[in-house]
Amino acid sequence: MGRLTVNEADALVNSKVLSKTAINKMREKGLVSQRRRGTKRFLKTKEGTFVSPQLYFQGMKGSTASNKMIEFRTKFNNLVNEFAIENPSK
């Protein structure tokens, strides 16, 4: 069984299918994602091609991210937002 995305959980709350309390309980059990996925962003290489920076914690498999890991990911995402562009075709 997969997890609900943040957007799917929000849609269930907005349509009054589930309460916020129910979503929070599901989140505690790992049935709802903890974060939203942002827009994919790109940096341009010296040769003019576009690459997308990624952060990956190798070996997580089934583990829960620590507060330091979440803080690190947030700072990484802020750097990506500062230096990268959303759509290279524009």
C-alpha atoms as a PDB file:
ATOM      1  CA  MET A   1       0.000   0.000   0.000  1.00  0.00           C
ATOM      2  CA  GLY A   2       1.409   3.389  -0.994  1.00  0.00           C
ATOM      3  CA  ARG A   3       1.327   6.658   0.867  1.00  0.00           C
ATOM      4  CA  LEU A   4      -0.973   9.554   0.126  1.00  0.00           C
ATOM      5  CA  THR A   5       0.710  12.688  -1.130  1.00  0.00           C
ATOM      6  CA  VAL A   6       0.270  15.938   0.751  1.00  0.00           C
ATOM      7  CA  ASN A   7      -1.946  17.204  -2.087  1.00  0.00           C
ATOM      8  CA  GLU A   8      -4.158  14.102  -1.963  1.00  0.00           C
ATOM      9  CA  ALA A   9      -4.525  14.431   1.818  1.00  0.00           C
ATOM     10  CA  ASP A  10      -5.418  18.124   1.455  1.00  0.00           C
ATOM     11  CA  ALA A  11      -8.035  17.249  -1.172  1.00  0.00           C
ATOM     12  CA  LEU A  12      -9.637  14.698   1.186  1.00  0.00           C
ATOM     13  CA  VAL A  13      -9.805  17.291   3.973  1.00  0.00           C
ATOM     14  CA  ASN A  14     -11.189  19.990   1.646  1.00  0.00           C
ATOM     15  CA  SER A  15     -13.894  17.651   0.339  1.00  0.00           C
ATOM     16  CA  LYS A  16     -14.718  16.716   3.961  1.00  0.00           C
ATOM     17  CA  VAL A  17     -14.055  13.004   3.374  1.00  0.00           C
ATOM     18  CA  LEU A  18     -11.483  12.979   6.198  1.00  0.00           C
ATOM     19  CA  SER A  19     -10.813  15.342   9.091  1.00  0.00           C
ATOM     20  CA  LYS A  20      -7.481  17.022   9.807  1.00  0.00           C
ATOM     21  CA  THR A  21      -7.229  14.850  12.915  1.00  0.00           C
ATOM     22  CA  ALA A  22      -7.596  11.690  10.819  1.00  0.00           C
ATOM     23  CA  ILE A  23      -4.942  12.915   8.381  1.00  0.00           C
ATOM     24  CA  ASN A  24      -2.575  13.672  11.278  1.00  0.00           C
ATOM     25  CA  LYS A  25      -3.089  10.165  12.684  1.00  0.00           C
ATOM     26  CA  MET A  26      -2.422   8.699   9.234  1.00  0.00           C
ATOM     27  CA  ARG A  27       0.707  10.852   8.948  1.00  0.00           C
ATOM     28  CA  GLU A  28       1.962   9.526  12.317  1.00  0.00           C
ATOM     29  CA  LYS A  29       1.500   5.971  11.023  1.00  0.00           C
ATOM     30  CA  GLY A  30       3.418   6.801   7.837  1.00  0.00           C
ATOM     31  CA  LEU A  31       0.410   6.624   5.539  1.00  0.00           C
ATOM     32  CA  VAL A  32       0.649  10.269   4.400  1.00  0.00           C
ATOM     33  CA  SER A  33       3.776  11.980   3.099  1.00  0.00           C
ATOM     34  CA  GLN A  34       5.436  14.581   5.308  1.00  0.00           C
ATOM     35  CA  ARG A  35       6.460  17.038   2.645  1.00  0.00           C
ATOM     36  CA  ARG A  36       5.426  18.524  -0.653  1.00  0.00           C
ATOM     37  CA  ARG A  37       7.399  18.062  -3.797  1.00  0.00           C
ATOM     38  CA  GLY A  38       8.510  21.320  -5.317  1.00  0.00           C
ATOM     39  CA  THR A  39       8.815  22.336  -8.914  1.00  0.00           C
ATOM     40  CA  LYS A  40      11.792  20.755 -10.635  1.00  0.00           C
ATOM     41  CA  ARG A  41      14.556  23.328 -11.030  1.00  0.00           C
ATOM     42  CA  PHE A  42      17.588  23.418 -13.337  1.00  0.00           C
ATOM     43  CA  LEU A  43      21.111  24.801 -13.532  1.00  0.00           C
ATOM     44  CA  LYS A  44      22.934  25.421 -16.785  1.00  0.00           C
ATOM     45  CA  THR A  45      26.299  23.726 -17.345  1.00  0.00           C
ATOM     46  CA  LYS A  46      29.275  25.395 -19.027  1.00  0.00           C
ATOM     47  CA  GLU A  47      28.336  23.550 -22.242  1.00  0.00           C
ATOM     48  CA  GLY A  48      24.807  24.935 -22.143  1.00  0.00           C
ATOM     49  CA  THR A  49      22.895  21.817 -21.107  1.00  0.00           C
ATOM     50  CA  PHE A  50      20.527  21.842 -18.148  1.00  0.00           C
ATOM     51  CA  VAL A  51      20.878  19.599 -15.100  1.00  0.00           C
ATOM     52  CA  SER A  52      18.627  19.194 -12.079  1.00  0.00           C
ATOM     53  CA  PRO A  53      20.290  19.081  -8.629  1.00  0.00           C
ATOM     54  CA  GLN A  54      19.103  16.284  -6.337  1.00  0.00           C
ATOM     55  CA  LEU A  55      19.583  15.338  -2.698  1.00  0.00           C
ATOM     56  CA  TYR A  56      19.527  11.671  -1.751  1.00  0.00           C
ATOM     57  CA  PHE A  57      20.202  10.011   1.595  1.00  0.00           C
ATOM     58  CA  GLN A  58      21.670   6.643   0.673  1.00  0.00           C
ATOM     59  CA  GLY A  59      20.716   3.761   2.951  1.00  0.00           C
ATOM     60  CA  MET A  60      17.469   5.248   4.336  1.00  0.00           C
ATOM     61  CA  LYS A  61      15.289   2.265   3.292  1.00  0.00           C
ATOM     62  CA  GLY A  62      12.460   2.252   5.836  1.00  0.00           C
ATOM     63  CA  SER A  63      14.130   4.706   8.230  1.00  0.00           C
ATOM     64  CA  THR A  64      12.638   7.981   9.402  1.00  0.00           C
ATOM     65  CA  ALA A  65      14.482  11.229   8.709  1.00  0.00           C
ATOM     66  CA  SER A  66      15.936  12.960  11.777  1.00  0.00           C
ATOM     67  CA  ASN A  67      15.354  16.629  12.552  1.00  0.00           C
ATOM     68  CA  LYS A  68      18.917  17.397  11.359  1.00  0.00           C
ATOM     69  CA  MET A  69      18.206  15.641   8.057  1.00  0.00           C
ATOM     70  CA  ILE A  70      14.989  17.611   7.581  1.00  0.00           C
ATOM     71  CA  GLU A  71      16.829  20.848   8.391  1.00  0.00           C
ATOM     72  CA  PHE A  72      19.584  19.934   5.916  1.00  0.00           C
ATOM     73  CA  ARG A  73      17.040  19.126   3.184  1.00  0.00           C
ATOM     74  CA  THR A  74      15.263  22.450   3.803  1.00  0.00           C
ATOM     75  CA  LYS A  75      18.532  24.391   3.506  1.00  0.00           C
ATOM     76  CA  PHE A  76      19.436  22.429   0.359  1.00  0.00           C
ATOM     77  CA  ASN A  77      16.049  23.247  -1.195  1.00  0.00           C
ATOM     78  CA  ASN A  78      16.502  26.930  -0.326  1.00  0.00           C
ATOM     79  CA  LEU A  79      19.876  26.932  -2.126  1.00  0.00           C
ATOM     80  CA  VAL A  80      18.374  25.220  -5.158  1.00  0.00           C
ATOM     81  CA  ASN A  81      15.574  27.804  -5.226  1.00  0.00           C
ATOM     82  CA  GLU A  82      18.129  30.597  -5.020  1.00  0.00           C
ATOM     83  CA  PHE A  83      20.453  29.408  -7.793  1.00  0.00           C
ATOM     84  CA  ALA A  84      18.320  27.345 -10.181  1.00  0.00           C
ATOM     85  CA  ILE A  85      15.534  28.188 -12.617  1.00  0.00           C
ATOM     86  CA  GLU A  86      12.158  26.468 -12.922  1.00  0.00           C
ATOM     87  CA  ASN A  87      11.836  25.905 -16.636  1.00  0.00           C
ATOM     88  CA  PRO A  88      14.882  25.900 -18.933  1.00  0.00           C
ATOM     89  CA  SER A  89      12.749  26.221 -22.094  1.00  0.00           C
ATOM     90  CA  LYS A  90      11.757  29.794 -21.199  1.00  0.00           C
END
